[in-house]
Protein backbone atom coordinates (compact mmCIF):
# COMPACT_ATOMS: atom_id res chain seq x y z
CA MET A 1 10.63 -16.69 -21.22
CA GLN A 2 10.97 -19.25 -18.57
CA LEU A 3 11.60 -16.86 -15.83
CA LYS A 4 8.30 -14.70 -16.90
CA ALA A 5 6.28 -17.91 -16.72
CA THR A 6 7.97 -18.68 -13.33
CA MET A 7 7.42 -15.14 -11.86
CA LYS A 8 3.48 -15.69 -13.23
CA LEU A 9 3.21 -18.84 -11.38
CA CYS A 10 4.63 -17.23 -8.35
CA LEU A 11 2.28 -14.33 -8.24
CA PHE A 12 -0.74 -16.74 -8.79
CA VAL A 13 0.46 -18.83 -6.08
CA ILE A 14 0.60 -15.67 -3.80
CA ALA A 15 -2.76 -14.70 -4.89
CA VAL A 16 -4.46 -17.88 -4.17
CA THR A 17 -2.68 -17.97 -0.46
CA ILE A 18 -3.95 -14.66 0.29
CA ALA A 19 -7.32 -15.65 -1.09
CA LEU A 20 -7.22 -18.52 1.20
CA THR A 21 -5.33 -17.22 4.31
CA GLY A 22 -7.04 -13.69 3.87
CA ALA A 23 -5.26 -10.15 4.57
CA ALA A 24 -6.05 -7.37 6.82
CA PHE A 25 -8.75 -4.66 5.45
CA ALA A 26 -6.75 -1.48 5.64
CA GLN A 27 -9.51 0.57 7.31
CA GLU A 28 -10.06 -1.97 10.03
CA SER A 29 -8.30 -1.94 13.34
CA LYS A 30 -5.83 -5.17 13.06
CA PRO A 31 -3.44 -5.32 16.03
CA ASP A 32 -0.65 -7.81 16.01
CA THR A 33 -2.01 -9.31 19.41
CA THR A 34 0.35 -12.29 19.42
CA ALA A 35 3.62 -10.29 18.54
CA THR A 36 4.37 -12.50 15.81
CA GLY A 37 4.51 -9.49 12.90
CA GLN A 38 1.18 -10.64 11.21
CA VAL A 39 -2.14 -8.93 12.26
CA ALA A 40 -4.97 -10.78 14.01
CA GLN A 41 -7.92 -12.60 11.82
CA PRO A 42 -6.76 -11.14 8.34
CA SER A 43 -9.73 -11.16 5.68
CA ILE A 44 -10.24 -9.45 2.26
CA LYS A 45 -11.72 -10.55 -1.06
CA ILE A 46 -9.64 -10.93 -4.01
CA LEU A 47 -11.37 -8.84 -6.67
CA ALA A 48 -9.22 -10.16 -9.33
CA VAL A 49 -6.10 -11.94 -10.07
CA GLU A 50 -3.80 -10.66 -12.81
CA THR A 51 -2.97 -13.28 -15.06
CA ASP A 52 -0.78 -11.32 -18.03
CA ALA A 53 1.76 -13.67 -19.36
CA ASP A 54 4.20 -10.50 -19.16
CA VAL A 55 4.65 -9.79 -15.45
CA GLU A 56 7.55 -8.19 -14.09
CA THR A 57 8.22 -7.05 -10.67
CA SER A 58 10.88 -5.18 -8.80
CA ILE A 59 10.39 -4.46 -4.63
CA ALA A 60 13.28 -2.37 -2.82
CA THR A 61 12.85 -0.22 0.43
CA ASN A 62 10.53 2.45 -0.08
CA ALA A 63 9.85 1.82 -3.59
CA ALA A 64 7.60 -0.66 -5.44
CA SER A 65 6.91 -1.37 -9.02
CA ALA A 66 4.91 -4.02 -11.34
CA THR A 67 4.20 -4.27 -14.92
CA PHE A 68 1.30 -6.25 -15.77
CA GLY A 69 1.05 -6.37 -19.84
CA SER A 70 0.77 -2.95 -20.99
CA LEU A 71 -0.10 -1.48 -17.58
CA SER A 72 2.49 -0.53 -15.07
CA LEU A 73 1.99 0.63 -11.57
CA THR A 74 4.88 2.10 -9.45
CA VAL A 75 4.51 3.34 -5.57
CA GLN A 76 7.11 5.44 -3.86
CA VAL A 77 7.22 6.05 -0.02
CA ASP A 78 7.68 9.58 1.43
CA GLN A 79 7.89 9.45 5.11
CA THR A 80 9.25 12.80 5.74
CA TYR A 81 6.10 14.48 4.08
CA CYS A 82 4.79 15.52 7.53
CA ALA A 83 8.03 17.15 8.70
CA THR A 84 7.02 19.56 5.89
CA GLY A 85 3.95 20.85 7.40
CA GLY A 86 1.45 19.15 5.37
CA VAL A 87 -2.44 19.64 5.97
CA GLN A 88 -2.83 16.03 5.65
CA CYS A 89 -0.47 15.87 9.08
CA THR A 90 -2.87 17.99 11.08
CA GLY A 91 -6.27 16.87 12.88
CA PRO A 92 -6.83 14.91 16.47
CA GLY A 93 -3.67 12.83 17.26
CA LEU A 94 -1.56 14.18 14.24
CA SER A 95 1.33 16.27 14.39
CA THR A 96 3.57 17.80 11.79
CA VAL A 97 6.64 15.68 12.34
CA ALA A 98 7.92 12.61 10.67
CA PRO A 99 6.22 8.96 11.57
CA ALA A 100 8.03 7.51 14.30
CA ASP A 101 7.55 5.28 17.46
CA ASN A 102 4.63 6.24 19.36
CA ASN A 103 3.06 8.87 16.99
CA ARG A 104 0.39 8.21 14.11
CA ASN A 105 1.48 10.53 11.59
CA PRO A 106 0.72 9.83 7.82
CA VAL A 107 3.19 8.57 5.20
CA ARG A 108 2.73 9.77 1.94
CA LEU A 109 2.44 7.26 -0.96
CA GLY A 110 3.16 8.31 -4.35
CA LEU A 111 1.40 6.41 -7.22
CA GLN A 112 1.87 6.66 -11.03
CA VAL A 113 -0.14 4.51 -12.90
CA LEU A 114 0.63 4.08 -16.91
CA ARG A 115 -0.91 1.83 -19.78
CA GLY A 116 2.17 1.61 -21.92
CA THR A 117 3.58 5.42 -22.23
CA THR A 118 -0.21 6.91 -21.67
CA PRO A 119 -0.85 8.05 -18.42
CA VAL A 120 -4.18 6.73 -16.79
CA ASN A 121 -5.58 9.79 -15.22
CA THR A 122 -9.34 8.61 -14.54
CA LEU A 123 -8.61 6.82 -10.77
CA THR A 124 -10.56 7.76 -7.59
CA ASP A 125 -10.00 7.26 -4.10
CA ALA A 126 -12.23 4.41 -4.44
CA ASP A 127 -10.15 2.41 -7.08
CA VAL A 128 -7.03 2.30 -4.56
CA THR A 129 -6.99 -0.04 -1.78
CA VAL A 130 -4.26 -0.38 1.08
CA VAL A 131 -3.36 -3.94 2.51
CA ASN A 132 -1.18 -4.31 5.21
CA SER A 133 -0.86 -7.81 6.69
CA PHE A 134 2.60 -7.60 8.05
CA VAL A 135 3.77 -5.42 10.50
CA PRO A 136 6.43 -4.96 13.57
CA ALA A 137 5.95 -6.98 16.04
CA GLY A 138 2.97 -5.44 18.40
CA GLY A 139 2.09 -3.03 15.75
CA SER A 140 -1.43 -2.33 13.89
CA ALA A 141 -2.47 -2.76 10.41
CA VAL A 142 -1.95 0.94 8.83
CA GLY A 143 -5.08 2.05 6.37
CA GLN A 144 -5.70 5.03 3.68
CA LEU A 145 -6.36 8.21 5.34
CA SER A 146 -9.67 10.04 4.75
CA CYS A 147 -9.64 13.81 4.59
CA PRO A 148 -10.38 16.36 2.00
CA ALA A 149 -6.92 16.62 0.63
CA CYS A 150 -5.86 12.76 1.25
CA PHE A 151 -6.22 11.58 -2.21
CA GLN A 152 -4.95 13.80 -4.98
CA ASN A 153 -4.86 13.19 -8.84
CA ALA A 154 -2.06 15.47 -10.49
CA GLY A 155 -3.62 14.44 -13.89
CA ASN A 156 -0.69 12.42 -15.60
CA GLY A 157 -0.85 9.43 -14.15
CA MET A 158 0.38 10.52 -10.92
CA TYR A 159 -1.68 10.16 -7.43
CA ALA A 160 -0.79 10.54 -3.78
CA ILE A 161 -2.44 8.82 -0.78
CA PHE A 162 -1.74 8.78 2.59
CA VAL A 163 -1.48 5.93 5.35
CA ASN A 164 -1.05 5.58 9.08
CA PRO A 165 -2.30 3.19 11.84
CA SER A 166 -5.84 3.54 13.06
CA VAL A 167 -7.20 5.89 15.80
CA GLY A 168 -6.01 4.46 19.09
CA PHE A 169 -2.67 3.14 17.53
CA THR A 170 0.67 4.38 16.67
CA TRP A 171 3.72 3.17 14.49
CA LYS A 172 5.89 0.81 16.18
CA PRO A 173 9.66 0.59 14.86
CA GLY A 174 10.52 -1.98 12.06
CA SER A 175 8.90 -2.55 8.62
CA TYR A 176 5.56 -2.17 7.27
CA PHE A 177 4.78 -4.28 4.18
CA VAL A 178 1.85 -2.46 2.43
CA GLN A 179 0.40 -4.03 -0.76
CA ILE A 180 -1.32 -1.29 -3.01
CA GLN A 181 -4.17 -2.30 -4.96
CA VAL A 182 -5.19 -0.12 -8.01
CA ARG A 183 -8.63 -1.15 -9.81
CA VAL A 184 -7.99 -0.21 -13.44
CA GLY A 185 -11.50 -1.08 -15.26
CA ALA A 186 -12.57 -4.91 -14.46
CA ARG A 187 -8.69 -5.46 -13.50
CA THR A 188 -6.74 -5.17 -10.13
CA HIS A 189 -3.18 -4.44 -10.11
CA ARG A 190 -0.88 -4.59 -7.26
CA ALA A 191 2.43 -3.38 -6.00
CA LEU A 192 4.44 -4.00 -2.70
CA ALA A 193 5.92 -1.00 -0.97
CA GLN A 194 7.79 -1.03 2.50
CA ILE A 195 7.47 1.54 5.10
CA GLU A 196 10.27 1.40 7.39
CA ILE A 197 9.81 3.32 11.03
CA PRO A 198 13.30 3.96 12.74
CA PHE A 199 14.30 2.47 15.96
């Protein structure tokens, strides 16, 4: 019980810190001009702060999950998708090879949203936001790719989105910490995932 209260307090402090210091809009070009690993001039409005008492989180490389009361959000990172020849990996400045240093090929993020054991099937692209404030030194924030097949609803609480650096920017070797925000009804739920670009 004490652990849950402490975790709740930590999440609240993080949310307040983000509200006070800001975070990068995923769709804006935000380069790390100072080579500090944090993108320039972050700014975002916090739509909601999760305050449920029962909060559990787990963060690991290429995976993330968070539970807010009865709602759970899981994010899985697939960095190999473009190498399979996916249509989301074609177009100006894109190619069907895995994301790497000096290309901007997309990374696929798989999301699962459940309310208890019931899938949440009603989300749209507008309900999902990508926030990426911490990048490798000299990198740029990544954002959600926009294309006809770039938001996929499998109909069973599972979704896929694609993220990549903005036009004019490329991946840099190292870690990108990406927060996925999913709005369900009046509440916004968050999970943190890590994208690793090889050296």
